[in-house]
Amino acid sequence: MLSLKEVEKHYDGFDLQCSMEVQKGCITGLIGKNGAGKTTAFKAVLGLIRKDGGEITVFGKSVESLDVKDKEHMGVVLSDSGFSGYLSVKDLIPVLDSMYPKFQKDWFLRKCSEYRMPMDKKIKDFSTGMKRKLQLLAAISYGADLLILDEPTSGMDVIARDEMLDLLREYMECGERSILISSHISSDLESLCDDLYMIDDGKIILHEETDELLANYGVLKVTKEQYGQLDRQYILRRRKENYGYSCLTAQKRFYQENYPEIESEKGSIDEVLTMMIRGKAL
């Protein structure tokens, strides 16, 4: 569905060097701290910036060769762009209807009513969360096969986020669609994504299936003495602590079985990301 192969973009003080893939029928998450390169990668995929190297293909075609018909099969929510603030939702409907032949007006109106979207209010007066909700509804409303979502739940409260995640699950029910999504709210991605890429300083530092990460990754809490006796062949990163070390592993069960005296914690997305970025490789 979507592929980035050794994609490069160079700015003063920042270099993107990124390879990743989004399979048909899958939701792929891209996570990293602010400034890690998530939005740059998204803009390269959408052709909003000119890449300096590598290859990007969408629907089996290079991103540069996508035509209007191809782009009608993509739905987009970017964190730093949106609709004109001087439009209302009522104003937006004929715009979407004219731009997208498959625009589902009845569905869009029903969802706007369900989510209590103010139809006559100017979009510039919406809350950040309401703007994201409108962008997401619009992106889904014309039957796109691929959604590119950069922080789509930013600014939403917990109830609104849950509603939007349900909307994305509903969108995926046909089994032929795909989503590339970034979010700084790890719980959203844990419950939604099939696989995850972690990016730091413009480079992919980890790619793992979400279930695999949650089941097998862990953080060991060891004293200096325990660390000296530890079999470190499955340690990915270590971090110095007051009591000794925190150690990230992708083989949690190995250490639970062979070192039952060592405290181990489940490797949440936040824990794994923190250790991959702030920990040191052996």
C-alpha atoms as a PDB file:
ATOM      1  CA  MET A   1       0.000   0.000   0.000  1.00  0.00           C
ATOM      2  CA  LEU A   2       2.787   2.441   1.024  1.00  0.00           C
ATOM      3  CA  SER A   3       6.556   2.043   0.992  1.00  0.00           C
ATOM      4  CA  LEU A   4       9.506   4.297   1.850  1.00  0.00           C
ATOM      5  CA  LYS A   5      12.926   2.982   0.842  1.00  0.00           C
ATOM      6  CA  GLU A   6      15.989   4.858   2.099  1.00  0.00           C
ATOM      7  CA  VAL A   7      14.152   8.181   1.856  1.00  0.00           C
ATOM      8  CA  GLU A   8      16.328  11.206   2.634  1.00  0.00           C
ATOM      9  CA  LYS A   9      15.561  14.839   3.352  1.00  0.00           C
ATOM     10  CA  HIS A  10      18.263  17.213   4.492  1.00  0.00           C
ATOM     11  CA  TYR A  11      17.818  20.461   6.409  1.00  0.00           C
ATOM     12  CA  ASP A  12      20.342  22.537   8.326  1.00  0.00           C
ATOM     13  CA  GLY A  13      20.769  20.610  11.574  1.00  0.00           C
ATOM     14  CA  PHE A  14      18.427  17.730  10.651  1.00  0.00           C
ATOM     15  CA  ASP A  15      18.604  14.734   8.323  1.00  0.00           C
ATOM     16  CA  LEU A  16      15.782  12.308   7.598  1.00  0.00           C
ATOM     17  CA  GLN A  17      16.898   8.802   6.563  1.00  0.00           C
ATOM     18  CA  CYS A  18      13.843   6.589   6.665  1.00  0.00           C
ATOM     19  CA  SER A  19      12.627   3.200   5.407  1.00  0.00           C
ATOM     20  CA  MET A  20       9.223   1.810   6.338  1.00  0.00           C
ATOM     21  CA  GLU A  21       6.226  -0.004   4.894  1.00  0.00           C
ATOM     22  CA  VAL A  22       2.455  -0.013   5.433  1.00  0.00           C
ATOM     23  CA  GLN A  23       0.793  -3.268   4.392  1.00  0.00           C
ATOM     24  CA  LYS A  24      -2.747  -3.554   2.993  1.00  0.00           C
ATOM     25  CA  GLY A  25      -5.270  -4.136   5.775  1.00  0.00           C
ATOM     26  CA  CYS A  26      -2.904  -2.920   8.493  1.00  0.00           C
ATOM     27  CA  ILE A  27      -2.609   0.060  10.813  1.00  0.00           C
ATOM     28  CA  THR A  28       1.015   1.153  11.185  1.00  0.00           C
ATOM     29  CA  GLY A  29       2.124   3.589  13.866  1.00  0.00           C
ATOM     30  CA  LEU A  30       5.061   5.996  13.707  1.00  0.00           C
ATOM     31  CA  ILE A  31       6.186   7.219  17.116  1.00  0.00           C
ATOM     32  CA  GLY A  32       8.957   9.422  18.418  1.00  0.00           C
ATOM     33  CA  LYS A  33       9.543  12.571  20.420  1.00  0.00           C
ATOM     34  CA  ASN A  34       8.748  16.019  19.023  1.00  0.00           C
ATOM     35  CA  GLY A  35      11.167  16.918  16.239  1.00  0.00           C
ATOM     36  CA  ALA A  36      12.140  13.293  15.574  1.00  0.00           C
ATOM     37  CA  GLY A  37      11.044  13.426  11.928  1.00  0.00           C
ATOM     38  CA  LYS A  38       7.461  12.131  11.946  1.00  0.00           C
ATOM     39  CA  THR A  39       5.879  15.125  10.212  1.00  0.00           C
ATOM     40  CA  THR A  40       8.781  15.391   7.741  1.00  0.00           C
ATOM     41  CA  ALA A  41       8.232  11.754   6.749  1.00  0.00           C
ATOM     42  CA  PHE A  42       4.493  12.345   6.344  1.00  0.00           C
ATOM     43  CA  LYS A  43       5.035  15.411   4.160  1.00  0.00           C
ATOM     44  CA  ALA A  44       7.483  13.474   1.986  1.00  0.00           C
ATOM     45  CA  VAL A  45       4.857  10.739   1.506  1.00  0.00           C
ATOM     46  CA  LEU A  46       2.312  13.358   0.452  1.00  0.00           C
ATOM     47  CA  GLY A  47       4.711  15.110  -1.914  1.00  0.00           C
ATOM     48  CA  LEU A  48       4.506  18.326   0.113  1.00  0.00           C
ATOM     49  CA  ILE A  49       8.289  18.471   0.341  1.00  0.00           C
ATOM     50  CA  ARG A  50      10.846  17.313  -2.208  1.00  0.00           C
ATOM     51  CA  LYS A  51      12.897  14.378  -0.963  1.00  0.00           C
ATOM     52  CA  ASP A  52      16.657  14.373  -1.524  1.00  0.00           C
ATOM     53  CA  GLY A  53      16.980  10.644  -2.093  1.00  0.00           C
ATOM     54  CA  GLY A  54      15.295   7.280  -1.916  1.00  0.00           C
ATOM     55  CA  GLU A  55      11.962   6.035  -3.225  1.00  0.00           C
ATOM     56  CA  ILE A  56       8.361   6.452  -2.056  1.00  0.00           C
ATOM     57  CA  THR A  57       5.595   4.370  -3.618  1.00  0.00           C
ATOM     58  CA  VAL A  58       1.859   4.600  -2.929  1.00  0.00           C
ATOM     59  CA  PHE A  59      -0.543   2.070  -4.497  1.00  0.00           C
ATOM     60  CA  GLY A  60       2.468   0.702  -6.363  1.00  0.00           C
ATOM     61  CA  LYS A  61       3.256   4.052  -8.052  1.00  0.00           C
ATOM     62  CA  SER A  62       5.967   6.581  -7.261  1.00  0.00           C
ATOM     63  CA  VAL A  63       4.617   9.474  -5.225  1.00  0.00           C
ATOM     64  CA  GLU A  64       5.717  11.900  -7.956  1.00  0.00           C
ATOM     65  CA  SER A  65       3.523  10.141 -10.537  1.00  0.00           C
ATOM     66  CA  LEU A  66       0.288  10.112  -8.512  1.00  0.00           C
ATOM     67  CA  ASP A  67      -2.552  11.815 -10.352  1.00  0.00           C
ATOM     68  CA  VAL A  68      -5.766  13.378  -9.087  1.00  0.00           C
ATOM     69  CA  LYS A  69      -7.614  10.054  -9.267  1.00  0.00           C
ATOM     70  CA  ASP A  70      -4.927   8.366  -7.156  1.00  0.00           C
ATOM     71  CA  LYS A  71      -5.047  11.108  -4.547  1.00  0.00           C
ATOM     72  CA  GLU A  72      -8.808  10.676  -4.214  1.00  0.00           C
ATOM     73  CA  HIS A  73      -7.977   7.321  -2.608  1.00  0.00           C
ATOM     74  CA  MET A  74      -5.937   9.023   0.146  1.00  0.00           C
ATOM     75  CA  GLY A  75      -7.323  10.703   3.255  1.00  0.00           C
ATOM     76  CA  VAL A  76      -5.044  13.085   5.146  1.00  0.00           C
ATOM     77  CA  VAL A  77      -4.942  14.742   8.566  1.00  0.00           C
ATOM     78  CA  LEU A  78      -1.829  16.850   9.234  1.00  0.00           C
ATOM     79  CA  SER A  79      -1.031  18.451  12.571  1.00  0.00           C
ATOM     80  CA  ASP A  80      -0.114  21.835  11.107  1.00  0.00           C
ATOM     81  CA  SER A  81      -2.751  22.310   8.405  1.00  0.00           C
ATOM     82  CA  GLY A  82      -6.494  22.106   7.894  1.00  0.00           C
ATOM     83  CA  PHE A  83      -9.517  23.814   6.400  1.00  0.00           C
ATOM     84  CA  SER A  84      -9.915  27.568   6.068  1.00  0.00           C
ATOM     85  CA  GLY A  85     -10.974  28.921   9.433  1.00  0.00           C
ATOM     86  CA  TYR A  86     -13.534  31.190   7.792  1.00  0.00           C
ATOM     87  CA  LEU A  87     -15.604  28.273   6.544  1.00  0.00           C
ATOM     88  CA  SER A  88     -18.340  26.565   8.543  1.00  0.00           C
ATOM     89  CA  VAL A  89     -19.131  22.848   8.326  1.00  0.00           C
ATOM     90  CA  LYS A  90     -22.121  23.743   6.129  1.00  0.00           C
ATOM     91  CA  ASP A  91     -19.767  25.651   3.820  1.00  0.00           C
ATOM     92  CA  LEU A  92     -17.405  22.673   3.723  1.00  0.00           C
ATOM     93  CA  ILE A  93     -19.964  20.113   2.531  1.00  0.00           C
ATOM     94  CA  PRO A  94     -20.335  21.422  -1.076  1.00  0.00           C
ATOM     95  CA  VAL A  95     -16.531  21.748  -1.270  1.00  0.00           C
ATOM     96  CA  LEU A  96     -16.065  18.075  -0.361  1.00  0.00           C
ATOM     97  CA  ASP A  97     -18.923  17.094  -2.655  1.00  0.00           C
ATOM     98  CA  SER A  98     -17.303  18.834  -5.632  1.00  0.00           C
ATOM     99  CA  MET A  99     -13.793  17.525  -4.911  1.00  0.00           C
ATOM    100  CA  TYR A 100     -14.570  13.858  -4.262  1.00  0.00           C
ATOM    101  CA  PRO A 101     -16.950  11.840  -6.489  1.00  0.00           C
ATOM    102  CA  LYS A 102     -17.401   9.251  -3.712  1.00  0.00           C
ATOM    103  CA  PHE A 103     -18.143  11.772  -0.952  1.00  0.00           C
ATOM    104  CA  GLN A 104     -20.712  10.185   1.393  1.00  0.00           C
ATOM    105  CA  LYS A 105     -22.757  13.244   2.284  1.00  0.00           C
ATOM    106  CA  ASP A 106     -25.405  11.406   4.307  1.00  0.00           C
ATOM    107  CA  TRP A 107     -22.763   9.576   6.347  1.00  0.00           C
ATOM    108  CA  PHE A 108     -20.847  12.806   6.942  1.00  0.00           C
ATOM    109  CA  LEU A 109     -23.976  14.640   8.118  1.00  0.00           C
ATOM    110  CA  ARG A 110     -24.952  11.743  10.377  1.00  0.00           C
ATOM    111  CA  LYS A 111     -21.512  11.668  11.999  1.00  0.00           C
ATOM    112  CA  CYS A 112     -21.476  15.457  12.420  1.00  0.00           C
ATOM    113  CA  SER A 113     -24.779  15.173  14.262  1.00  0.00           C
ATOM    114  CA  GLU A 114     -23.569  12.212  16.325  1.00  0.00           C
ATOM    115  CA  TYR A 115     -20.450  14.122  17.422  1.00  0.00           C
ATOM    116  CA  ARG A 116     -22.397  17.354  17.984  1.00  0.00           C
ATOM    117  CA  MET A 117     -20.430  19.261  15.380  1.00  0.00           C
ATOM    118  CA  PRO A 118     -21.614  22.918  15.212  1.00  0.00           C
ATOM    119  CA  MET A 119     -22.708  23.313  11.589  1.00  0.00           C
ATOM    120  CA  ASP A 120     -22.843  27.117  11.352  1.00  0.00           C
ATOM    121  CA  LYS A 121     -19.881  28.045  13.554  1.00  0.00           C
ATOM    122  CA  LYS A 122     -16.670  29.209  11.850  1.00  0.00           C
ATOM    123  CA  ILE A 123     -13.963  26.530  11.968  1.00  0.00           C
ATOM    124  CA  LYS A 124     -11.473  29.085  13.339  1.00  0.00           C
ATOM    125  CA  ASP A 125     -13.585  29.212  16.505  1.00  0.00           C
ATOM    126  CA  PHE A 126     -13.494  25.427  17.023  1.00  0.00           C
ATOM    127  CA  SER A 127     -11.388  23.925  19.781  1.00  0.00           C
ATOM    128  CA  THR A 128      -8.237  22.070  18.682  1.00  0.00           C
ATOM    129  CA  GLY A 129      -9.938  18.762  19.401  1.00  0.00           C
ATOM    130  CA  MET A 130     -13.030  19.692  17.392  1.00  0.00           C
ATOM    131  CA  LYS A 131     -10.880  20.731  14.421  1.00  0.00           C
ATOM    132  CA  ARG A 132      -9.103  17.349  14.506  1.00  0.00           C
ATOM    133  CA  LYS A 133     -12.444  15.566  14.687  1.00  0.00           C
ATOM    134  CA  LEU A 134     -13.715  17.457  11.637  1.00  0.00           C
ATOM    135  CA  GLN A 135     -10.514  16.742   9.685  1.00  0.00           C
ATOM    136  CA  LEU A 136     -10.787  13.043  10.462  1.00  0.00           C
ATOM    137  CA  LEU A 137     -14.463  12.842   9.511  1.00  0.00           C
ATOM    138  CA  ALA A 138     -13.719  14.598   6.216  1.00  0.00           C
ATOM    139  CA  ALA A 139     -10.753  12.306   5.480  1.00  0.00           C
ATOM    140  CA  ILE A 140     -12.898   9.197   5.938  1.00  0.00           C
ATOM    141  CA  SER A 141     -16.011  10.576   4.220  1.00  0.00           C
ATOM    142  CA  TYR A 142     -15.035   9.774   0.618  1.00  0.00           C
ATOM    143  CA  GLY A 143     -13.976   6.136   0.939  1.00  0.00           C
ATOM    144  CA  ALA A 144     -10.193   6.575   0.829  1.00  0.00           C
ATOM    145  CA  ASP A 145      -8.134   3.375   0.777  1.00  0.00           C
ATOM    146  CA  LEU A 146      -5.205   4.880   2.702  1.00  0.00           C
ATOM    147  CA  LEU A 147      -5.309   7.304   5.618  1.00  0.00           C
ATOM    148  CA  ILE A 148      -2.259   9.393   6.549  1.00  0.00           C
ATOM    149  CA  LEU A 149      -2.904  10.714  10.054  1.00  0.00           C
ATOM    150  CA  ASP A 150      -0.396  12.952  11.860  1.00  0.00           C
ATOM    151  CA  GLU A 151      -1.460  13.346  15.517  1.00  0.00           C
ATOM    152  CA  PRO A 152      -5.188  13.018  14.661  1.00  0.00           C
ATOM    153  CA  THR A 153      -6.320  12.866  18.316  1.00  0.00           C
ATOM    154  CA  SER A 154      -4.226  15.836  19.482  1.00  0.00           C
ATOM    155  CA  GLY A 155      -6.232  18.157  21.708  1.00  0.00           C
ATOM    156  CA  MET A 156      -9.088  15.694  22.228  1.00  0.00           C
ATOM    157  CA  ASP A 157     -10.340  14.647  25.645  1.00  0.00           C
ATOM    158  CA  VAL A 158     -10.427  10.954  26.538  1.00  0.00           C
ATOM    159  CA  ILE A 159     -14.061  10.462  25.392  1.00  0.00           C
ATOM    160  CA  ALA A 160     -13.482  12.167  22.040  1.00  0.00           C
ATOM    161  CA  ARG A 161     -10.311  10.106  21.490  1.00  0.00           C
ATOM    162  CA  ASP A 162     -12.201   6.902  22.195  1.00  0.00           C
ATOM    163  CA  GLU A 163     -14.885   7.913  19.676  1.00  0.00           C
ATOM    164  CA  MET A 164     -12.281   8.617  17.013  1.00  0.00           C
ATOM    165  CA  LEU A 165     -10.460   5.327  17.623  1.00  0.00           C
ATOM    166  CA  ASP A 166     -13.772   3.497  17.213  1.00  0.00           C
ATOM    167  CA  LEU A 167     -14.287   5.413  13.966  1.00  0.00           C
ATOM    168  CA  LEU A 168     -10.895   4.222  12.681  1.00  0.00           C
ATOM    169  CA  ARG A 169     -11.659   0.623  13.635  1.00  0.00           C
ATOM    170  CA  GLU A 170     -14.960   0.897  11.756  1.00  0.00           C
ATOM    171  CA  TYR A 171     -13.084   2.288   8.745  1.00  0.00           C
ATOM    172  CA  MET A 172     -10.790  -0.780   8.750  1.00  0.00           C
ATOM    173  CA  GLU A 173     -13.558  -3.386   8.873  1.00  0.00           C
ATOM    174  CA  CYS A 174     -13.567  -4.089   5.129  1.00  0.00           C
ATOM    175  CA  GLY A 175     -10.004  -5.464   5.407  1.00  0.00           C
ATOM    176  CA  GLU A 176      -8.661  -3.751   2.282  1.00  0.00           C
ATOM    177  CA  ARG A 177      -7.721  -0.363   3.751  1.00  0.00           C
ATOM    178  CA  SER A 178      -4.610   0.872   5.535  1.00  0.00           C
ATOM    179  CA  ILE A 179      -3.623   3.610   7.970  1.00  0.00           C
ATOM    180  CA  LEU A 180      -0.315   5.293   8.770  1.00  0.00           C
ATOM    181  CA  ILE A 181      -0.725   7.164  12.043  1.00  0.00           C
ATOM    182  CA  SER A 182       1.478   9.101  14.439  1.00  0.00           C
ATOM    183  CA  SER A 183       0.505   9.971  17.987  1.00  0.00           C
ATOM    184  CA  HIS A 184       2.260  10.989  21.183  1.00  0.00           C
ATOM    185  CA  ILE A 185      -0.489   9.196  23.156  1.00  0.00           C
ATOM    186  CA  SER A 186       0.915   5.682  23.371  1.00  0.00           C
ATOM    187  CA  SER A 187      -2.282   4.086  24.712  1.00  0.00           C
ATOM    188  CA  ASP A 188      -4.014   5.013  21.434  1.00  0.00           C
ATOM    189  CA  LEU A 189      -1.402   3.153  19.420  1.00  0.00           C
ATOM    190  CA  GLU A 190      -1.217   0.132  21.738  1.00  0.00           C
ATOM    191  CA  SER A 191      -4.900  -0.587  21.204  1.00  0.00           C
ATOM    192  CA  LEU A 192      -5.012   0.318  17.503  1.00  0.00           C
ATOM    193  CA  CYS A 193      -1.829  -0.481  15.588  1.00  0.00           C
ATOM    194  CA  ASP A 194      -0.720  -3.772  14.057  1.00  0.00           C
ATOM    195  CA  ASP A 195       2.912  -2.680  13.992  1.00  0.00           C
ATOM    196  CA  LEU A 196       5.049   0.240  15.130  1.00  0.00           C
ATOM    197  CA  TYR A 197       8.071   2.128  13.874  1.00  0.00           C
ATOM    198  CA  MET A 198      10.104   4.231  16.304  1.00  0.00           C
ATOM    199  CA  ILE A 199      11.942   7.221  14.866  1.00  0.00           C
ATOM    200  CA  ASP A 200      14.628   9.339  16.515  1.00  0.00           C
ATOM    201  CA  ASP A 201      16.729  12.101  15.002  1.00  0.00           C
ATOM    202  CA  GLY A 202      15.361  11.262  11.548  1.00  0.00           C
ATOM    203  CA  LYS A 203      16.223   7.544  11.672  1.00  0.00           C
ATOM    204  CA  ILE A 204      14.110   4.446  12.319  1.00  0.00           C
ATOM    205  CA  ILE A 205      15.510   2.852  15.475  1.00  0.00           C
ATOM    206  CA  LEU A 206      13.001   0.020  15.931  1.00  0.00           C
ATOM    207  CA  HIS A 207      10.251  -1.776  14.006  1.00  0.00           C
ATOM    208  CA  GLU A 208       8.087  -4.344  15.761  1.00  0.00           C
ATOM    209  CA  GLU A 209       4.626  -5.852  15.700  1.00  0.00           C
ATOM    210  CA  THR A 210       2.621  -4.279  18.510  1.00  0.00           C
ATOM    211  CA  ASP A 211       1.562  -7.596  20.048  1.00  0.00           C
ATOM    212  CA  GLU A 212       5.177  -8.793  19.967  1.00  0.00           C
ATOM    213  CA  LEU A 213       6.406  -5.625  21.650  1.00  0.00           C
ATOM    214  CA  LEU A 214       3.819  -5.736  24.422  1.00  0.00           C
ATOM    215  CA  ALA A 215       4.257  -9.476  25.045  1.00  0.00           C
ATOM    216  CA  ASN A 216       8.030  -9.905  24.865  1.00  0.00           C
ATOM    217  CA  TYR A 217       9.718  -6.586  25.601  1.00  0.00           C
ATOM    218  CA  GLY A 218      10.514  -5.702  29.187  1.00  0.00           C
ATOM    219  CA  VAL A 219      12.678  -3.495  31.376  1.00  0.00           C
ATOM    220  CA  LEU A 220      14.899  -5.220  33.913  1.00  0.00           C
ATOM    221  CA  LYS A 221      15.762  -3.403  37.150  1.00  0.00           C
ATOM    222  CA  VAL A 222      19.156  -4.690  38.300  1.00  0.00           C
ATOM    223  CA  THR A 223      21.754  -3.743  40.890  1.00  0.00           C
ATOM    224  CA  LYS A 224      25.380  -3.285  39.871  1.00  0.00           C
ATOM    225  CA  GLU A 225      26.149  -6.748  41.223  1.00  0.00           C
ATOM    226  CA  GLN A 226      23.268  -8.349  39.307  1.00  0.00           C
ATOM    227  CA  TYR A 227      24.301  -6.540  36.139  1.00  0.00           C
ATOM    228  CA  GLY A 228      27.820  -7.963  36.442  1.00  0.00           C
ATOM    229  CA  GLN A 229      26.426 -11.511  36.514  1.00  0.00           C
ATOM    230  CA  LEU A 230      23.804 -10.942  33.802  1.00  0.00           C
ATOM    231  CA  ASP A 231      23.818 -12.727  30.438  1.00  0.00           C
ATOM    232  CA  ARG A 232      23.587  -9.629  28.221  1.00  0.00           C
ATOM    233  CA  GLN A 233      23.096 -11.250  24.816  1.00  0.00           C
ATOM    234  CA  TYR A 234      19.422 -10.146  24.752  1.00  0.00           C
ATOM    235  CA  ILE A 235      19.905  -6.661  26.198  1.00  0.00           C
ATOM    236  CA  LEU A 236      19.096  -3.915  23.659  1.00  0.00           C
ATOM    237  CA  ARG A 237      19.769  -0.820  25.783  1.00  0.00           C
ATOM    238  CA  ARG A 238      20.910  -0.004  29.313  1.00  0.00           C
ATOM    239  CA  ARG A 239      20.436   3.102  31.398  1.00  0.00           C
ATOM    240  CA  LYS A 240      22.348   4.048  34.562  1.00  0.00           C
ATOM    241  CA  GLU A 241      20.159   4.456  37.626  1.00  0.00           C
ATOM    242  CA  ASN A 242      20.828   5.224  41.301  1.00  0.00           C
ATOM    243  CA  TYR A 243      20.271   1.565  42.241  1.00  0.00           C
ATOM    244  CA  GLY A 244      22.203   0.161  39.288  1.00  0.00           C
ATOM    245  CA  TYR A 245      20.773  -0.189  35.760  1.00  0.00           C
ATOM    246  CA  SER A 246      17.546  -0.371  33.780  1.00  0.00           C
ATOM    247  CA  CYS A 247      17.967  -2.786  30.879  1.00  0.00           C
ATOM    248  CA  LEU A 248      15.671  -3.125  27.856  1.00  0.00           C
ATOM    249  CA  THR A 249      15.209  -6.607  26.422  1.00  0.00           C
ATOM    250  CA  ALA A 250      13.077  -8.180  23.713  1.00  0.00           C
ATOM    251  CA  GLN A 251      13.378 -11.564  25.498  1.00  0.00           C
ATOM    252  CA  LYS A 252      11.633 -10.853  28.802  1.00  0.00           C
ATOM    253  CA  ARG A 253      10.772 -14.513  29.448  1.00  0.00           C
ATOM    254  CA  PHE A 254      14.422 -15.587  29.178  1.00  0.00           C
ATOM    255  CA  TYR A 255      15.340 -13.360  32.108  1.00  0.00           C
ATOM    256  CA  GLN A 256      12.224 -14.230  34.116  1.00  0.00           C
ATOM    257  CA  GLU A 257      13.063 -17.932  33.810  1.00  0.00           C
ATOM    258  CA  ASN A 258      16.823 -17.684  34.359  1.00  0.00           C
ATOM    259  CA  TYR A 259      16.971 -14.763  36.789  1.00  0.00           C
ATOM    260  CA  PRO A 260      13.774 -14.990  38.877  1.00  0.00           C
ATOM    261  CA  GLU A 261      15.273 -12.731  41.543  1.00  0.00           C
ATOM    262  CA  ILE A 262      15.501  -9.796  39.106  1.00  0.00           C
ATOM    263  CA  GLU A 263      12.606  -7.342  38.955  1.00  0.00           C
ATOM    264  CA  SER A 264      11.178  -6.935  35.475  1.00  0.00           C
ATOM    265  CA  GLU A 265       8.499  -4.570  34.181  1.00  0.00           C
ATOM    266  CA  LYS A 266       6.275  -4.902  31.125  1.00  0.00           C
ATOM    267  CA  GLY A 267       7.648  -2.995  28.157  1.00  0.00           C
ATOM    268  CA  SER A 268       4.994  -0.416  27.345  1.00  0.00           C
ATOM    269  CA  ILE A 269       5.443   1.694  24.224  1.00  0.00           C
ATOM    270  CA  ASP A 270       6.519   4.669  26.362  1.00  0.00           C
ATOM    271  CA  GLU A 271       9.069   2.577  28.273  1.00  0.00           C
ATOM    272  CA  VAL A 272      10.519   1.041  25.109  1.00  0.00           C
ATOM    273  CA  LEU A 273      10.708   4.411  23.348  1.00  0.00           C
ATOM    274  CA  THR A 274      12.395   6.055  26.339  1.00  0.00           C
ATOM    275  CA  MET A 275      14.944   3.271  26.668  1.00  0.00           C
ATOM    276  CA  MET A 276      15.668   3.165  22.923  1.00  0.00           C
ATOM    277  CA  ILE A 277      16.332   6.916  22.879  1.00  0.00           C
ATOM    278  CA  ARG A 278      17.909   7.589  26.272  1.00  0.00           C
ATOM    279  CA  GLY A 279      19.519   4.233  26.931  1.00  0.00           C
ATOM    280  CA  LYS A 280      22.933   3.193  25.657  1.00  0.00           C
ATOM    281  CA  ALA A 281      23.600   0.294  23.322  1.00  0.00           C
ATOM    282  CA  LEU A 282      25.995  -2.333  24.682  1.00  0.00           C
END
